[in-house]
Structure formats: C-alpha cells, structure tokens
N, C-alpha and C. Protein backbone atom coordinates (compact mmCIF):
# COMPACT_ATOMS: atom_id res chain seq x y z
N UNK A 1 -4.47 10.92 -25.41
CA UNK A 1 -5.21 9.52 -24.83
C UNK A 1 -6.39 8.83 -26.13
N UNK A 2 -6.37 7.43 -25.43
CA UNK A 2 -6.10 7.04 -26.41
C UNK A 2 -8.62 6.61 -26.75
N UNK A 3 -8.23 6.79 -27.53
CA UNK A 3 -9.95 6.28 -28.20
C UNK A 3 -9.97 4.81 -27.67
N UNK A 4 -11.17 5.01 -26.93
CA UNK A 4 -11.70 3.23 -26.63
C UNK A 4 -13.27 3.14 -27.40
N UNK A 5 -13.12 2.61 -28.37
CA UNK A 5 -14.65 1.99 -28.96
C UNK A 5 -14.55 1.40 -29.85
N UNK A 6 -15.23 0.34 -29.04
CA UNK A 6 -14.80 -1.80 -29.79
C UNK A 6 -15.91 -1.91 -30.71
N UNK A 7 -16.23 -1.99 -31.25
CA UNK A 7 -16.81 -2.90 -32.41
C UNK A 7 -17.49 -4.19 -31.78
N UNK A 8 -18.90 -4.98 -32.12
CA UNK A 8 -19.28 -5.60 -32.32
C UNK A 8 -20.24 -6.10 -33.17
N UNK A 9 -19.81 -7.31 -32.92
CA UNK A 9 -21.31 -8.25 -33.91
C UNK A 9 -22.28 -9.07 -33.77
N UNK A 10 -23.17 -9.36 -34.69
CA UNK A 10 -24.59 -10.21 -34.03
C UNK A 10 -24.93 -11.27 -34.98
N UNK A 11 -25.19 -11.49 -34.15
CA UNK A 11 -25.09 -13.68 -35.25
C UNK A 11 -26.81 -14.09 -34.29
N UNK A 12 -27.44 -14.63 -35.06
CA UNK A 12 -28.74 -15.32 -34.71
C UNK A 12 -28.43 -17.25 -34.51
N UNK A 13 -28.73 -17.69 -33.78
CA UNK A 13 -28.13 -18.84 -33.18
C UNK A 13 -30.11 -19.26 -32.74
N UNK A 14 -30.88 -20.16 -33.58
CA UNK A 14 -31.45 -20.62 -32.38
C UNK A 14 -32.57 -20.30 -31.75
N UNK A 15 -32.77 -18.08 -32.04
CA UNK A 15 -33.96 -17.95 -30.48
C UNK A 15 -32.87 -16.69 -30.71
N UNK A 16 -31.72 -17.09 -30.38
CA UNK A 16 -30.91 -16.07 -29.65
C UNK A 16 -30.17 -14.68 -31.21
N UNK A 17 -30.19 -13.88 -30.31
CA UNK A 17 -28.87 -12.94 -30.46
C UNK A 17 -27.64 -12.85 -29.83
N UNK A 18 -26.98 -13.66 -30.85
CA UNK A 18 -25.18 -13.60 -30.08
C UNK A 18 -24.09 -12.49 -30.30
N UNK A 19 -24.32 -11.90 -28.81
CA UNK A 19 -23.48 -10.34 -29.33
C UNK A 19 -21.11 -11.26 -29.28
N UNK A 20 -21.33 -10.51 -29.92
CA UNK A 20 -19.08 -10.65 -30.03
C UNK A 20 -19.03 -9.79 -30.40
N UNK A 21 -17.87 -9.66 -29.88
CA UNK A 21 -16.75 -8.87 -29.70
C UNK A 21 -15.08 -9.52 -29.96
N UNK A 22 -14.64 -8.36 -31.21
CA UNK A 22 -13.72 -9.20 -31.71
C UNK A 22 -12.38 -8.76 -30.56
N UNK A 23 -12.04 -7.56 -30.31
CA UNK A 23 -10.96 -7.31 -28.51
C UNK A 23 -11.55 -8.77 -27.18
N UNK A 24 -12.40 -8.78 -27.28
CA UNK A 24 -12.67 -9.51 -25.94
C UNK A 24 -13.59 -11.14 -26.57
N UNK A 25 -13.11 -12.30 -26.76
CA UNK A 25 -13.11 -13.64 -27.08
C UNK A 25 -13.83 -13.90 -25.56
N UNK A 26 -13.54 -13.68 -24.52
CA UNK A 26 -13.86 -14.04 -23.61
C UNK A 26 -15.78 -13.71 -22.92
N UNK A 27 -16.35 -12.38 -23.95
CA UNK A 27 -17.28 -12.41 -23.98
C UNK A 27 -18.27 -13.24 -23.85
N UNK A 28 -18.86 -13.82 -23.22
CA UNK A 28 -20.18 -14.83 -24.18
C UNK A 28 -21.03 -13.59 -23.71
N UNK A 29 -22.45 -12.88 -24.21
CA UNK A 29 -23.32 -13.13 -24.02
C UNK A 29 -24.98 -13.34 -25.50
N UNK A 30 -25.64 -13.14 -24.38
CA UNK A 30 -26.77 -13.51 -25.50
C UNK A 30 -28.62 -13.10 -25.33
N UNK A 31 -29.09 -12.37 -25.88
CA UNK A 31 -30.58 -12.71 -25.54
C UNK A 31 -31.06 -12.90 -26.32
N UNK A 32 -32.61 -13.04 -25.82
CA UNK A 32 -33.33 -13.98 -26.94
C UNK A 32 -34.20 -12.72 -28.51
N UNK A 33 -34.46 -12.95 -29.58
CA UNK A 33 -34.90 -12.57 -30.32
C UNK A 33 -36.35 -12.29 -29.95
N UNK A 34 -36.65 -12.40 -29.73
CA UNK A 34 -38.10 -11.53 -29.30
C UNK A 34 -37.81 -10.49 -27.76
N UNK A 35 -37.08 -10.29 -26.86
CA UNK A 35 -37.08 -9.87 -26.26
C UNK A 35 -35.74 -8.73 -26.46
N UNK A 36 -34.82 -8.32 -27.49
CA UNK A 36 -34.35 -7.97 -28.17
C UNK A 36 -34.92 -7.25 -28.59
N UNK A 37 -35.95 -8.15 -29.70
CA UNK A 37 -37.14 -6.94 -30.87
C UNK A 37 -38.69 -6.53 -30.50
N UNK A 38 -38.31 -6.38 -29.04
CA UNK A 38 -38.83 -5.18 -28.56
C UNK A 38 -37.98 -4.35 -27.20
N UNK A 39 -36.85 -4.20 -27.66
CA UNK A 39 -35.38 -3.59 -26.66
C UNK A 39 -35.66 -2.38 -27.67
N UNK A 40 -35.48 -1.37 -26.68
CA UNK A 40 -35.30 0.47 -27.09
C UNK A 40 -33.52 0.44 -27.95
N UNK A 41 -32.89 1.28 -28.80
CA UNK A 41 -32.08 1.29 -29.05
C UNK A 41 -31.41 1.40 -27.27
N UNK A 42 -31.44 2.14 -26.87
CA UNK A 42 -30.61 2.99 -25.75
C UNK A 42 -30.17 1.02 -24.49
N UNK A 43 -31.33 0.54 -24.76
CA UNK A 43 -30.50 -0.97 -23.71
C UNK A 43 -30.66 -1.35 -24.58
N UNK A 44 -30.27 -1.89 -26.00
CA UNK A 44 -29.63 -2.74 -26.03
C UNK A 44 -28.39 -2.55 -26.94
N UNK A 45 -27.88 -0.94 -26.58
CA UNK A 45 -26.92 -0.54 -27.08
C UNK A 45 -26.07 -0.63 -24.96
N UNK A 46 -27.07 -0.38 -24.49
CA UNK A 46 -26.63 -0.57 -22.67
C UNK A 46 -26.19 -2.20 -22.62
N UNK A 47 -27.07 -3.13 -23.05
CA UNK A 47 -25.99 -4.37 -23.03
C UNK A 47 -24.99 -4.54 -23.77
N UNK A 48 -24.73 -4.12 -24.78
CA UNK A 48 -23.46 -4.36 -24.75
C UNK A 48 -21.97 -3.10 -24.22
N UNK A 49 -23.02 -2.12 -24.05
CA UNK A 49 -21.99 -1.18 -22.84
C UNK A 49 -21.24 -2.33 -22.02
N UNK A 50 -22.52 -3.00 -21.27
CA UNK A 50 -22.51 -3.37 -19.75
C UNK A 50 -21.14 -4.98 -20.52
N UNK A 51 -21.59 -4.93 -21.63
CA UNK A 51 -20.95 -6.61 -21.45
C UNK A 51 -19.51 -6.07 -21.50
N UNK A 52 -18.78 -5.24 -22.14
CA UNK A 52 -17.50 -4.70 -23.32
C UNK A 52 -17.07 -4.48 -20.85
N UNK A 53 -17.71 -3.09 -20.42
CA UNK A 53 -17.31 -2.34 -19.26
C UNK A 53 -16.90 -4.03 -18.78
N UNK A 54 -17.31 -4.59 -18.04
CA UNK A 54 -17.67 -6.26 -17.44
C UNK A 54 -16.27 -6.94 -17.53
N UNK A 55 -15.46 -7.34 -18.60
CA UNK A 55 -15.01 -7.26 -19.88
C UNK A 55 -12.70 -6.73 -18.94
N UNK A 56 -13.43 -5.61 -19.43
CA UNK A 56 -12.87 -4.18 -19.22
C UNK A 56 -12.54 -4.43 -17.55
N UNK A 57 -12.86 -4.50 -17.20
CA UNK A 57 -12.98 -4.57 -15.22
C UNK A 57 -12.26 -5.75 -14.95
N UNK A 58 -12.92 -7.27 -15.27
CA UNK A 58 -12.10 -8.54 -15.15
C UNK A 58 -10.81 -7.66 -15.43
N UNK A 59 -10.75 -8.18 -16.24
CA UNK A 59 -8.62 -7.27 -17.11
C UNK A 59 -7.93 -5.84 -16.12
N UNK A 60 -8.45 -5.46 -15.58
CA UNK A 60 -8.06 -4.65 -14.63
C UNK A 60 -7.31 -5.50 -13.50
N UNK A 61 -8.59 -6.45 -12.97
CA UNK A 61 -8.08 -6.28 -11.63
C UNK A 61 -7.53 -7.87 -11.98
N UNK A 62 -7.63 -9.04 -12.85
CA UNK A 62 -5.47 -9.53 -13.32
C UNK A 62 -5.12 -8.86 -13.46
N UNK A 63 -4.83 -7.14 -14.16
CA UNK A 63 -3.31 -6.62 -14.38
C UNK A 63 -3.16 -7.22 -15.89
N UNK A 64 -4.08 -7.44 -16.84
CA UNK A 64 -4.14 -8.02 -18.06
C UNK A 64 -3.97 -7.16 -19.21
N UNK A 65 -4.13 -6.65 -20.12
CA UNK A 65 -3.92 -5.18 -21.26
C UNK A 65 -4.97 -5.60 -22.07
N UNK A 66 -4.86 -4.00 -21.83
CA UNK A 66 -6.71 -3.18 -22.26
C UNK A 66 -5.53 -3.71 -24.16
N UNK A 67 -7.43 -4.25 -24.92
CA UNK A 67 -6.87 -4.79 -25.80
C UNK A 67 -7.18 -2.34 -27.10
N UNK A 68 -6.33 -2.43 -28.04
CA UNK A 68 -5.96 -1.62 -28.35
C UNK A 68 -7.42 -1.43 -29.37
N UNK A 69 -8.66 0.04 -29.90
CA UNK A 69 -9.53 0.25 -30.12
C UNK A 69 -9.02 0.24 -31.99
N UNK A 70 -10.22 -0.05 -32.53
CA UNK A 70 -9.09 0.12 -33.71
C UNK A 70 -10.77 1.98 -33.99
N UNK A 71 -9.98 2.18 -35.93
CA UNK A 71 -11.40 3.41 -36.04
C UNK A 71 -12.56 3.03 -36.93
N UNK A 72 -13.48 3.09 -35.82
CA UNK A 72 -14.88 2.00 -36.20
C UNK A 72 -14.65 2.41 -37.53
N UNK A 73 -14.66 3.55 -38.97
CA UNK A 73 -14.51 3.91 -40.33
C UNK A 73 -14.46 3.24 -40.86
N UNK A 74 -13.23 2.10 -39.82
CA UNK A 74 -12.59 1.03 -41.00
C UNK A 74 -12.95 -0.15 -39.93
N UNK A 75 -14.50 -0.41 -39.84
CA UNK A 75 -13.70 -2.34 -39.10
C UNK A 75 -15.34 -2.50 -39.45
N UNK A 76 -15.83 -3.59 -39.55
CA UNK A 76 -16.78 -3.92 -40.85
C UNK A 76 -17.31 -4.84 -38.95
N UNK A 77 -18.56 -3.75 -38.51
CA UNK A 77 -19.08 -4.21 -37.15
C UNK A 77 -20.78 -3.73 -37.24
N UNK A 78 -21.42 -4.69 -36.21
CA UNK A 78 -23.36 -3.75 -35.99
C UNK A 78 -23.66 -2.92 -34.95
N UNK A 79 -21.80 -2.80 -34.55
CA UNK A 79 -22.93 -1.54 -33.65
C UNK A 79 -20.92 -2.11 -32.54
N UNK A 80 -21.64 -0.53 -32.24
CA UNK A 80 -19.86 -0.37 -31.12
C UNK A 80 -20.07 0.33 -29.68
N UNK A 81 -18.98 0.05 -28.64
CA UNK A 81 -19.30 0.97 -27.42
C UNK A 81 -18.50 0.99 -27.40
N UNK A 82 -18.22 2.20 -27.08
CA UNK A 82 -17.92 3.69 -27.42
C UNK A 82 -17.54 4.20 -24.83
N UNK A 83 -16.60 4.43 -24.39
CA UNK A 83 -16.11 4.60 -23.55
C UNK A 83 -16.78 5.91 -23.03
N UNK A 84 -17.11 6.41 -22.19
CA UNK A 84 -17.12 8.30 -21.88
C UNK A 84 -15.60 8.58 -21.55
N UNK A 85 -14.74 9.54 -21.51
CA UNK A 85 -14.03 10.46 -21.26
C UNK A 85 -13.36 9.99 -19.58
N UNK A 86 -14.50 9.96 -18.93
CA UNK A 86 -14.36 9.25 -17.58
C UNK A 86 -12.68 7.70 -17.37
N UNK A 87 -14.20 6.68 -17.81
CA UNK A 87 -13.19 5.53 -18.13
C UNK A 87 -12.38 5.12 -18.85
N UNK A 88 -12.35 6.38 -20.54
CA UNK A 88 -11.32 6.03 -20.46
C UNK A 88 -10.07 7.33 -20.21
N UNK A 89 -9.74 7.60 -18.88
CA UNK A 89 -8.91 8.30 -18.38
C UNK A 89 -8.61 7.57 -17.48
N UNK A 90 -9.55 6.92 -17.23
CA UNK A 90 -9.45 4.96 -16.13
C UNK A 90 -8.36 4.42 -16.76
N UNK A 91 -8.64 3.62 -17.67
CA UNK A 91 -8.39 3.12 -18.46
C UNK A 91 -6.42 3.55 -18.68
N UNK A 92 -5.90 4.39 -18.97
CA UNK A 92 -4.67 5.06 -19.45
C UNK A 92 -3.82 5.59 -17.57
N UNK A 93 -5.09 5.65 -16.75
CA UNK A 93 -4.41 5.13 -15.34
C UNK A 93 -3.88 4.71 -15.01
N UNK A 94 -4.82 3.23 -15.38
CA UNK A 94 -3.79 2.05 -15.10
C UNK A 94 -3.25 1.33 -15.51
N UNK A 95 -3.47 1.85 -16.32
CA UNK A 95 -1.60 1.47 -17.51
C UNK A 95 -0.45 1.94 -17.15
N UNK A 96 -0.15 3.23 -16.17
CA UNK A 96 0.29 3.52 -15.16
C UNK A 96 0.01 2.01 -13.96
N UNK A 97 -0.88 2.32 -13.53
CA UNK A 97 -0.73 1.50 -12.57
C UNK A 97 -0.14 0.29 -12.58
N UNK A 98 -0.21 -0.15 -14.23
CA UNK A 98 0.48 -1.75 -13.96
C UNK A 98 1.97 -1.10 -14.48
N UNK A 99 2.47 -0.20 -15.47
CA UNK A 99 3.68 -0.41 -15.03
C UNK A 99 3.99 0.03 -13.83
N UNK A 100 3.85 1.21 -13.09
CA UNK A 100 4.51 1.49 -11.82
C UNK A 100 4.54 1.04 -10.55
N UNK A 101 3.32 0.34 -10.28
CA UNK A 101 3.29 -0.31 -9.53
C UNK A 101 2.65 -2.06 -8.98
N UNK A 102 3.73 -2.66 -8.02
CA UNK A 102 2.95 -3.56 -7.68
C UNK A 102 2.11 -4.46 -7.27
N UNK A 103 1.37 -3.45 -6.55
CA UNK A 103 -0.15 -3.38 -5.61
C UNK A 103 -0.53 -2.40 -5.91
N UNK A 104 -1.47 -2.86 -5.47
CA UNK A 104 -2.72 -1.34 -4.80
C UNK A 104 -2.34 -0.55 -3.83
N UNK A 105 -1.71 -1.41 -2.89
CA UNK A 105 -1.67 -0.58 -2.15
C UNK A 105 0.37 0.98 -2.09
N UNK A 106 0.80 0.20 -3.53
CA UNK A 106 1.99 0.76 -3.64
C UNK A 106 1.21 2.12 -4.03
N UNK A 107 0.59 1.23 -5.53
CA UNK A 107 -0.90 2.61 -6.34
C UNK A 107 -1.10 3.16 -5.21
N UNK A 108 -1.66 3.08 -4.32
CA UNK A 108 -2.16 4.27 -3.38
C UNK A 108 -0.78 5.39 -2.27
N UNK A 109 0.00 4.51 -2.01
CA UNK A 109 0.91 4.92 -2.30
C UNK A 109 1.26 6.83 -2.88
N UNK A 110 1.69 6.24 -3.57
CA UNK A 110 2.43 6.88 -5.05
C UNK A 110 0.93 7.81 -5.04
N UNK A 111 -0.02 7.92 -5.48
CA UNK A 111 -0.73 8.79 -5.77
C UNK A 111 -1.42 9.32 -4.47
N UNK A 112 -0.77 9.19 -3.21
CA UNK A 112 -0.73 9.39 -2.48
C UNK A 112 -2.78 9.39 -2.06
N UNK A 113 -2.95 8.53 -1.92
CA UNK A 113 -4.92 8.00 -1.91
C UNK A 113 -5.01 6.97 -0.66
N UNK A 114 -5.41 7.13 -0.07
CA UNK A 114 -6.50 5.38 0.45
C UNK A 114 -6.58 4.31 -0.23
N UNK A 115 -6.53 2.57 -0.10
CA UNK A 115 -6.83 2.29 -0.95
C UNK A 115 -7.76 1.45 -1.29
N UNK A 116 -8.85 2.25 -0.89
CA UNK A 116 -10.50 2.22 -1.41
C UNK A 116 -10.52 3.18 -2.38
N UNK A 117 -9.99 4.09 -2.21
CA UNK A 117 -10.09 5.99 -3.50
C UNK A 117 -9.27 5.39 -4.37
N UNK A 118 -7.92 4.59 -4.24
CA UNK A 118 -7.73 3.86 -5.09
C UNK A 118 -7.78 2.93 -6.00
N UNK A 119 -8.37 2.25 -5.57
CA UNK A 119 -9.64 0.97 -5.91
C UNK A 119 -11.02 2.26 -6.73
N UNK A 120 -11.35 2.63 -5.86
CA UNK A 120 -12.79 3.75 -6.52
C UNK A 120 -12.10 3.92 -8.44
N UNK A 121 -10.54 5.01 -8.33
CA UNK A 121 -10.27 5.29 -9.25
C UNK A 121 -9.76 4.49 -10.58
N UNK A 122 -10.10 3.12 -10.17
CA UNK A 122 -9.46 1.84 -11.41
C UNK A 122 -10.93 1.23 -11.32
N UNK A 123 -11.63 1.53 -11.51
CA UNK A 123 -13.48 0.70 -11.03
C UNK A 123 -14.20 1.60 -12.29
N UNK A 124 -14.65 0.74 -12.98
CA UNK A 124 -15.16 1.79 -14.39
C UNK A 124 -16.52 2.23 -13.97
N UNK A 125 -16.38 1.63 -13.18
CA UNK A 125 -18.05 2.32 -13.16
C UNK A 125 -18.15 2.98 -12.45
N UNK A 126 -17.24 3.41 -11.41
CA UNK A 126 -17.75 4.80 -10.10
C UNK A 126 -17.13 5.81 -10.90
N UNK A 127 -17.99 6.60 -10.23
CA UNK A 127 -18.74 7.72 -11.15
C UNK A 127 -16.98 9.13 -10.59
N UNK A 128 -16.21 8.41 -10.83
CA UNK A 128 -15.14 9.34 -9.91
C UNK A 128 -14.69 10.72 -10.57
N UNK A 129 -14.65 11.53 -9.65
CA UNK A 129 -14.42 12.98 -10.82
C UNK A 129 -12.90 13.24 -11.31
N UNK A 130 -13.32 13.29 -12.31
CA UNK A 130 -12.42 13.61 -14.07
C UNK A 130 -10.51 13.92 -13.11
N UNK A 131 -10.53 15.33 -12.64
CA UNK A 131 -9.91 16.26 -11.62
C UNK A 131 -9.42 14.94 -11.01
N UNK A 132 -9.54 14.00 -10.04
CA UNK A 132 -9.22 13.23 -9.12
C UNK A 132 -8.64 11.98 -9.79
N UNK A 133 -8.86 12.21 -11.59
CA UNK A 133 -7.52 10.47 -12.14
C UNK A 133 -6.92 11.31 -12.57
N UNK A 134 -6.52 12.45 -13.59
CA UNK A 134 -5.86 13.94 -13.49
C UNK A 134 -4.62 13.33 -12.44
N UNK A 135 -5.26 13.83 -11.93
CA UNK A 135 -4.25 14.00 -10.49
C UNK A 135 -3.98 12.63 -9.88
N UNK A 136 -4.37 12.42 -10.17
CA UNK A 136 -3.39 10.92 -10.10
C UNK A 136 -2.90 10.08 -11.09
N UNK A 137 -3.08 11.02 -11.88
CA UNK A 137 -1.86 10.50 -13.76
C UNK A 137 -0.53 11.43 -13.44
N UNK A 138 -0.51 12.56 -12.73
CA UNK A 138 -0.06 14.03 -12.59
C UNK A 138 1.13 12.81 -11.70
N UNK A 139 0.17 12.47 -10.18
CA UNK A 139 1.30 11.35 -9.76
C UNK A 139 2.05 10.83 -10.05
N UNK A 140 2.39 10.25 -11.33
CA UNK A 140 3.54 9.70 -12.36
C UNK A 140 4.20 10.22 -13.41
N UNK A 141 4.33 11.80 -13.33
CA UNK A 141 5.00 12.76 -14.20
C UNK A 141 4.59 12.84 -15.17
N UNK A 142 2.35 12.66 -15.32
CA UNK A 142 1.99 12.53 -16.53
C UNK A 142 0.88 13.60 -16.94
N UNK A 143 0.62 13.78 -17.80
CA UNK A 143 -0.96 14.24 -17.81
C UNK A 143 -1.29 13.90 -19.06
N UNK A 144 -2.88 13.90 -19.08
CA UNK A 144 -3.98 13.75 -19.53
C UNK A 144 -3.66 14.51 -20.83
N UNK A 145 -3.30 14.32 -22.14
CA UNK A 145 -2.58 14.69 -23.83
C UNK A 145 -4.04 14.19 -24.51
N UNK A 146 -4.85 15.00 -25.64
CA UNK A 146 -6.77 14.71 -25.76
C UNK A 146 -6.45 14.80 -27.21
N UNK A 147 -6.51 14.59 -27.92
CA UNK A 147 -7.12 15.37 -29.20
C UNK A 147 -9.13 15.12 -29.76
N UNK A 148 -9.16 15.50 -29.67
CA UNK A 148 -10.96 15.98 -29.02
C UNK A 148 -11.60 16.29 -30.59
N UNK A 149 -12.15 15.45 -31.45
CA UNK A 149 -12.28 15.80 -32.26
C UNK A 149 -14.12 14.92 -32.27
N UNK A 150 -14.80 15.78 -32.85
CA UNK A 150 -16.77 15.37 -32.65
C UNK A 150 -17.05 14.20 -34.37
N UNK A 151 -17.52 14.07 -33.53
CA UNK A 151 -18.07 13.10 -35.36
C UNK A 151 -19.32 12.26 -33.99
N UNK A 152 -20.15 12.02 -35.03
CA UNK A 152 -21.09 11.33 -35.34
C UNK A 152 -21.17 9.53 -34.66
N UNK A 153 -21.96 9.18 -34.09
CA UNK A 153 -21.72 8.11 -33.08
C UNK A 153 -21.99 6.80 -34.00
N UNK A 154 -21.00 6.37 -33.72
CA UNK A 154 -20.75 4.83 -35.08
C UNK A 154 -23.18 4.34 -34.33
N UNK A 155 -23.04 4.59 -36.22
CA UNK A 155 -24.73 4.17 -36.02
C UNK A 155 -23.91 2.21 -35.81
N UNK A 156 -25.88 2.08 -35.78
CA UNK A 156 -25.88 0.61 -36.03
C UNK A 156 -25.96 0.02 -37.74
N UNK A 157 -25.20 -1.18 -38.22
CA UNK A 157 -24.76 -0.05 -39.76
C UNK A 157 -25.47 -1.80 -40.11
N UNK A 158 -25.17 -3.04 -39.58
CA UNK A 158 -26.28 -4.11 -40.34
C UNK A 158 -27.36 -4.37 -40.25
N UNK A 159 -27.78 -4.77 -41.57
CA UNK A 159 -29.42 -4.81 -41.65
C UNK A 159 -30.14 -5.71 -41.24
N UNK A 160 -28.92 -6.94 -40.47
CA UNK A 160 -30.52 -7.13 -39.26
C UNK A 160 -30.48 -6.70 -38.16
N UNK A 161 -29.41 -5.63 -37.71
CA UNK A 161 -29.44 -5.13 -36.13
C UNK A 161 -30.74 -4.08 -36.76
N UNK A 162 -30.86 -3.97 -38.12
CA UNK A 162 -31.57 -3.09 -38.85
C UNK A 162 -33.09 -3.22 -38.58
N UNK A 163 -33.24 -4.10 -38.96
CA UNK A 163 -34.80 -4.93 -38.47
C UNK A 163 -34.88 -5.49 -37.22
N UNK A 164 -34.43 -5.63 -36.08
CA UNK A 164 -34.32 -5.35 -35.38
C UNK A 164 -34.75 -5.03 -34.25
N UNK A 165 -33.63 -3.88 -33.69
CA UNK A 165 -32.82 -3.39 -32.76
C UNK A 165 -34.56 -1.57 -33.72
N UNK A 166 -34.51 -0.81 -32.56
CA UNK A 166 -35.26 -0.09 -32.91
C UNK A 166 -33.95 1.43 -33.31
N UNK A 167 -33.85 2.35 -34.55
CA UNK A 167 -32.56 2.33 -34.92
C UNK A 167 -33.39 4.20 -33.84
N UNK A 168 -32.64 4.48 -33.12
CA UNK A 168 -33.20 6.50 -33.17
C UNK A 168 -32.71 7.15 -33.79
N UNK A 169 -34.08 8.35 -33.90
CA UNK A 169 -34.39 9.02 -34.53
C UNK A 169 -33.53 10.36 -34.80
C-alpha cells in the first residue's frame, strides 16, 4: 500500500495565510492571520486535512488520477497532511475501480454490494469498516500489502509556522 503524505506550504499576503499544496494546484485556501494565530495546532492541521480530502474526493468523483506522495523527509514544506490507513485503503480501492469499472453500478456488481455501499467505500469521509474495504479489494483478486513503519509525525518546519501556530508539546 502506498503512503499518502502530502506537503503544504504557507505564505502570508495582505494579512491572510495561504495554504498551497504542490500536489493539488486546484486548492486555494486561506485564513486571516489573526485567526491562525489563535488556532490550536490540531485545528490548523485540520484545515489542511480538510482541503486535501476535498481535493481527493473531487478527483475520485471525476475519475482523475491520485497524485503520488513523496517521502516527507525529502520535501521542503511547512507541514504535511497524512491520510489515515482506511483513507489510504480507499484510494487503493479507487485505483481498482478506475481500472476495472466504467460506472459505479458496474463497480457495485463487481464487489457484490449495492450502489450506496459502493459509493461509501470510495468516500474518504465515510467511516467504512477496514475489513469491508479489504473485501472489496479482494473482489478484484488483490490484497492489501503494507510495509509498516512507525515514524514521528512530520512537524511544522518553517519559522513562519512556528511563529504563528502553537506547536504540540
């Protein structure tokens, strides 16, 4: 299974803090600097996560490619969005959907589920049971193979972020 960690950069212009994502040029997101200064680190990270999940969900809806992530240790960034394991599993399932199905109806038949369940299995915000995602992947004759690695969550790196966003203890 691929790692899905996406970097973001921050830039301040005219009192706004802009989030930019090299993998997602379509994301345009900003917050007033005063609001960012009052946010907890988790809220700030949540804003970045929401932007990436929205961009990925649009790509799923229009059957566009999902960008490959890069090793967080080798990328210049102010912060990172790392998808959860179930979200990463859903992106792997999406690649099978895109390769083997023309429609959601066909996909639902292939995984032996109704269309509502099939759509939810591709919805990154839906809390699907991981074993159900694995079963859908198995319907295509595939299994999830993962290389587990425990690492420190990539921290905010820039002095700008450290000056504006409270750092986790």
